[in-house]
Amino acid sequence: MAKTFLGNVGHGFQNERARPLSAETFGFPSREVHARAISSYRGLDNTPEGIAARAARRQTEFLQYSIPYDTVPFLYLPAGPRTYLLIQNLDAALSMFVGFGLQPNQAAEIGLKIAAGQAYEPYMIPQNDVWITGTGIGLATLIYAVV
């Protein structure tokens, strides 16, 4: 069966990529293209009604960060409304300590200890401050979502 070429069919933001080069834009799409592309595919509506509809469907935007830690406690997430939280210790040998609403202390073993290569994903999502420290200089992944 032969394929039929349908021409330049698609979303408007897809067609913008095919425009000719010019001195003003250098052929790059406008900065709004990415936001419109995401909203076209994901149905993102950032009005209060749209946010409420996503919350009702249990949909959310995730944020992921690679975070360094050392022996000094650091506040990585201030208290706030979160719907998801995952912390993974990426170090091969060091342990990290997480404190929810308190500063952890690796010497006194105060806080939630996450061993090397392990992760913590709570069933009930803490809404208070998230402090992290470690037994040395290491790296972790922090993934969270807010409403």
C-alpha atoms as a PDB file:
ATOM      1  CA  MET A   1       0.000   0.000   0.000  1.00  0.00           C
ATOM      2  CA  ALA A   2       1.452   3.353  -1.002  1.00  0.00           C
ATOM      3  CA  LYS A   3       1.657   6.184   1.496  1.00  0.00           C
ATOM      4  CA  THR A   4      -0.056   9.421   0.583  1.00  0.00           C
ATOM      5  CA  PHE A   5       1.616  12.738   1.355  1.00  0.00           C
ATOM      6  CA  LEU A   6      -0.928  14.935   3.074  1.00  0.00           C
ATOM      7  CA  GLY A   7       1.090  18.120   2.793  1.00  0.00           C
ATOM      8  CA  ASN A   8       1.738  20.508   5.637  1.00  0.00           C
ATOM      9  CA  VAL A   9      -0.832  19.103   8.072  1.00  0.00           C
ATOM     10  CA  GLY A  10      -0.426  19.463  11.819  1.00  0.00           C
ATOM     11  CA  HIS A  11      -0.585  21.872  14.680  1.00  0.00           C
ATOM     12  CA  GLY A  12       0.209  25.505  14.072  1.00  0.00           C
ATOM     13  CA  PHE A  13       3.405  25.332  16.120  1.00  0.00           C
ATOM     14  CA  GLN A  14       4.685  22.518  13.882  1.00  0.00           C
ATOM     15  CA  ASN A  15       4.176  24.629  10.784  1.00  0.00           C
ATOM     16  CA  GLU A  16       6.159  27.515  12.302  1.00  0.00           C
ATOM     17  CA  ARG A  17       9.353  25.458  12.186  1.00  0.00           C
ATOM     18  CA  ALA A  18       9.221  25.392   8.386  1.00  0.00           C
ATOM     19  CA  ARG A  19       9.266  29.155   7.875  1.00  0.00           C
ATOM     20  CA  PRO A  20      12.214  30.609   5.928  1.00  0.00           C
ATOM     21  CA  LEU A  21      15.303  32.045   7.567  1.00  0.00           C
ATOM     22  CA  SER A  22      15.346  35.732   8.271  1.00  0.00           C
ATOM     23  CA  ALA A  23      17.800  38.131   9.864  1.00  0.00           C
ATOM     24  CA  GLU A  24      15.393  38.736  12.756  1.00  0.00           C
ATOM     25  CA  THR A  25      14.546  35.191  13.794  1.00  0.00           C
ATOM     26  CA  PHE A  26      17.341  33.114  12.210  1.00  0.00           C
ATOM     27  CA  GLY A  27      14.677  30.516  11.454  1.00  0.00           C
ATOM     28  CA  PHE A  28      13.988  29.725  15.103  1.00  0.00           C
ATOM     29  CA  PRO A  29      10.383  29.535  16.266  1.00  0.00           C
ATOM     30  CA  SER A  30       9.173  32.134  18.724  1.00  0.00           C
ATOM     31  CA  ARG A  31       9.568  31.574  22.462  1.00  0.00           C
ATOM     32  CA  GLU A  32       5.821  30.970  22.801  1.00  0.00           C
ATOM     33  CA  VAL A  33       5.925  27.868  20.585  1.00  0.00           C
ATOM     34  CA  HIS A  34       7.107  25.555  23.379  1.00  0.00           C
ATOM     35  CA  ALA A  35       4.374  26.666  25.778  1.00  0.00           C
ATOM     36  CA  ARG A  36       1.729  26.333  23.092  1.00  0.00           C
ATOM     37  CA  ALA A  37       3.048  22.898  22.105  1.00  0.00           C
ATOM     38  CA  ILE A  38       2.879  21.651  25.674  1.00  0.00           C
ATOM     39  CA  SER A  39      -0.604  23.041  26.195  1.00  0.00           C
ATOM     40  CA  SER A  40      -1.763  21.464  22.915  1.00  0.00           C
ATOM     41  CA  TYR A  41      -0.589  18.024  23.922  1.00  0.00           C
ATOM     42  CA  ARG A  42      -1.142  18.093  27.672  1.00  0.00           C
ATOM     43  CA  GLY A  43      -4.141  20.365  27.837  1.00  0.00           C
ATOM     44  CA  LEU A  44      -2.438  22.675  30.327  1.00  0.00           C
ATOM     45  CA  ASP A  45      -4.742  25.379  31.508  1.00  0.00           C
ATOM     46  CA  ASN A  46      -3.164  27.512  34.212  1.00  0.00           C
ATOM     47  CA  THR A  47      -6.362  29.268  35.185  1.00  0.00           C
ATOM     48  CA  PRO A  48      -7.748  28.351  38.640  1.00  0.00           C
ATOM     49  CA  GLU A  49     -10.397  26.240  36.909  1.00  0.00           C
ATOM     50  CA  GLY A  50      -7.769  24.420  34.834  1.00  0.00           C
ATOM     51  CA  ILE A  51      -5.618  23.718  37.882  1.00  0.00           C
ATOM     52  CA  ALA A  52      -8.657  22.383  39.745  1.00  0.00           C
ATOM     53  CA  ALA A  53      -9.547  20.144  36.799  1.00  0.00           C
ATOM     54  CA  ARG A  54      -5.993  18.702  36.700  1.00  0.00           C
ATOM     55  CA  ALA A  55      -6.086  18.120  40.453  1.00  0.00           C
ATOM     56  CA  ALA A  56      -9.416  16.305  40.078  1.00  0.00           C
ATOM     57  CA  ARG A  57      -7.828  14.062  37.415  1.00  0.00           C
ATOM     58  CA  ARG A  58      -4.803  13.576  39.719  1.00  0.00           C
ATOM     59  CA  GLN A  59      -2.481  15.146  37.116  1.00  0.00           C
ATOM     60  CA  THR A  60       0.474  17.287  38.090  1.00  0.00           C
ATOM     61  CA  GLU A  61       3.749  18.692  36.793  1.00  0.00           C
ATOM     62  CA  PHE A  62       6.849  17.006  38.244  1.00  0.00           C
ATOM     63  CA  LEU A  63      10.074  18.851  39.007  1.00  0.00           C
ATOM     64  CA  GLN A  64      13.349  16.906  39.074  1.00  0.00           C
ATOM     65  CA  TYR A  65      16.692  18.131  40.357  1.00  0.00           C
ATOM     66  CA  SER A  66      20.124  16.622  40.884  1.00  0.00           C
ATOM     67  CA  ILE A  67      21.184  17.985  44.226  1.00  0.00           C
ATOM     68  CA  PRO A  68      24.610  17.872  45.852  1.00  0.00           C
ATOM     69  CA  TYR A  69      24.859  17.279  49.577  1.00  0.00           C
ATOM     70  CA  ASP A  70      27.651  17.434  52.123  1.00  0.00           C
ATOM     71  CA  THR A  71      28.068  17.325  55.893  1.00  0.00           C
ATOM     72  CA  VAL A  72      26.318  20.681  56.431  1.00  0.00           C
ATOM     73  CA  PRO A  73      22.486  20.507  56.540  1.00  0.00           C
ATOM     74  CA  PHE A  74      20.840  22.460  53.720  1.00  0.00           C
ATOM     75  CA  LEU A  75      17.181  23.406  53.224  1.00  0.00           C
ATOM     76  CA  TYR A  76      16.296  22.030  49.772  1.00  0.00           C
ATOM     77  CA  LEU A  77      12.513  22.422  49.860  1.00  0.00           C
ATOM     78  CA  PRO A  78      10.722  24.959  52.038  1.00  0.00           C
ATOM     79  CA  ALA A  79       7.355  24.024  53.515  1.00  0.00           C
ATOM     80  CA  GLY A  80       4.605  24.021  50.934  1.00  0.00           C
ATOM     81  CA  PRO A  81       1.785  22.043  49.339  1.00  0.00           C
ATOM     82  CA  ARG A  82       3.263  18.998  47.610  1.00  0.00           C
ATOM     83  CA  THR A  83       1.463  16.087  45.974  1.00  0.00           C
ATOM     84  CA  TYR A  84       4.508  13.865  45.367  1.00  0.00           C
ATOM     85  CA  LEU A  85       8.018  13.438  46.766  1.00  0.00           C
ATOM     86  CA  LEU A  86      10.884  11.073  45.961  1.00  0.00           C
ATOM     87  CA  ILE A  87      14.477  11.342  47.157  1.00  0.00           C
ATOM     88  CA  GLN A  88      17.164   9.007  45.814  1.00  0.00           C
ATOM     89  CA  ASN A  89      20.724   8.804  47.091  1.00  0.00           C
ATOM     90  CA  LEU A  90      22.916   8.414  43.993  1.00  0.00           C
ATOM     91  CA  ASP A  91      26.189   7.981  45.871  1.00  0.00           C
ATOM     92  CA  ALA A  92      27.809   4.534  45.814  1.00  0.00           C
ATOM     93  CA  ALA A  93      29.208   4.657  49.358  1.00  0.00           C
ATOM     94  CA  LEU A  94      27.819   7.585  51.384  1.00  0.00           C
ATOM     95  CA  SER A  95      24.605   7.779  53.367  1.00  0.00           C
ATOM     96  CA  MET A  96      22.377  10.818  53.439  1.00  0.00           C
ATOM     97  CA  PHE A  97      20.047  12.035  56.166  1.00  0.00           C
ATOM     98  CA  VAL A  98      16.761  13.820  55.491  1.00  0.00           C
ATOM     99  CA  GLY A  99      14.940  15.932  58.046  1.00  0.00           C
ATOM    100  CA  PHE A 100      11.306  16.945  57.682  1.00  0.00           C
ATOM    101  CA  GLY A 101      10.824  20.147  59.632  1.00  0.00           C
ATOM    102  CA  LEU A 102      14.150  19.688  61.447  1.00  0.00           C
ATOM    103  CA  GLN A 103      17.830  19.827  60.589  1.00  0.00           C
ATOM    104  CA  PRO A 104      19.272  16.321  60.317  1.00  0.00           C
ATOM    105  CA  ASN A 105      22.584  15.474  61.933  1.00  0.00           C
ATOM    106  CA  GLN A 106      24.640  12.650  60.461  1.00  0.00           C
ATOM    107  CA  ALA A 107      26.983  12.436  63.504  1.00  0.00           C
ATOM    108  CA  ALA A 108      24.074  11.945  65.922  1.00  0.00           C
ATOM    109  CA  GLU A 109      22.089   9.971  63.305  1.00  0.00           C
ATOM    110  CA  ILE A 110      19.118  12.336  63.520  1.00  0.00           C
ATOM    111  CA  GLY A 111      16.808  12.236  60.514  1.00  0.00           C
ATOM    112  CA  LEU A 112      15.763   9.680  57.960  1.00  0.00           C
ATOM    113  CA  LYS A 113      18.840   7.739  56.816  1.00  0.00           C
ATOM    114  CA  ILE A 114      18.916   6.854  53.122  1.00  0.00           C
ATOM    115  CA  ALA A 115      21.729   4.419  52.399  1.00  0.00           C
ATOM    116  CA  ALA A 116      23.888   4.525  49.280  1.00  0.00           C
ATOM    117  CA  GLY A 117      21.899   3.763  46.135  1.00  0.00           C
ATOM    118  CA  GLN A 118      18.543   3.709  47.950  1.00  0.00           C
ATOM    119  CA  ALA A 119      15.478   5.925  47.628  1.00  0.00           C
ATOM    120  CA  TYR A 120      12.637   7.205  49.785  1.00  0.00           C
ATOM    121  CA  GLU A 121       9.118   7.658  48.403  1.00  0.00           C
ATOM    122  CA  PRO A 122       6.611   8.294  51.196  1.00  0.00           C
ATOM    123  CA  TYR A 123       2.995   7.225  51.030  1.00  0.00           C
ATOM    124  CA  MET A 124       1.878  10.361  52.875  1.00  0.00           C
ATOM    125  CA  ILE A 125       3.618  13.429  51.404  1.00  0.00           C
ATOM    126  CA  PRO A 126       5.309  15.688  53.976  1.00  0.00           C
ATOM    127  CA  GLN A 127       4.385  19.350  53.602  1.00  0.00           C
ATOM    128  CA  ASN A 128       7.055  20.794  55.917  1.00  0.00           C
ATOM    129  CA  ASP A 129      10.686  21.837  55.267  1.00  0.00           C
ATOM    130  CA  VAL A 130      12.968  19.201  53.692  1.00  0.00           C
ATOM    131  CA  TRP A 131      16.571  19.396  54.953  1.00  0.00           C
ATOM    132  CA  ILE A 132      19.342  17.144  53.603  1.00  0.00           C
ATOM    133  CA  THR A 133      22.851  16.345  54.801  1.00  0.00           C
ATOM    134  CA  GLY A 134      25.236  13.426  54.318  1.00  0.00           C
ATOM    135  CA  THR A 135      28.230  11.571  55.668  1.00  0.00           C
ATOM    136  CA  GLY A 136      30.372  13.235  52.981  1.00  0.00           C
ATOM    137  CA  ILE A 137      30.069  14.963  49.617  1.00  0.00           C
ATOM    138  CA  GLY A 138      27.541  13.158  47.459  1.00  0.00           C
ATOM    139  CA  LEU A 139      24.755  13.560  44.931  1.00  0.00           C
ATOM    140  CA  ALA A 140      21.039  12.851  45.130  1.00  0.00           C
ATOM    141  CA  THR A 141      17.946  13.163  42.959  1.00  0.00           C
ATOM    142  CA  LEU A 142      14.924  15.049  44.218  1.00  0.00           C
ATOM    143  CA  ILE A 143      11.601  14.674  42.413  1.00  0.00           C
ATOM    144  CA  TYR A 144       8.502  16.459  43.655  1.00  0.00           C
ATOM    145  CA  ALA A 145       5.220  17.846  42.446  1.00  0.00           C
ATOM    146  CA  VAL A 146       2.941  20.610  43.614  1.00  0.00           C
ATOM    147  CA  VAL A 147      -0.706  21.244  42.814  1.00  0.00           C
END
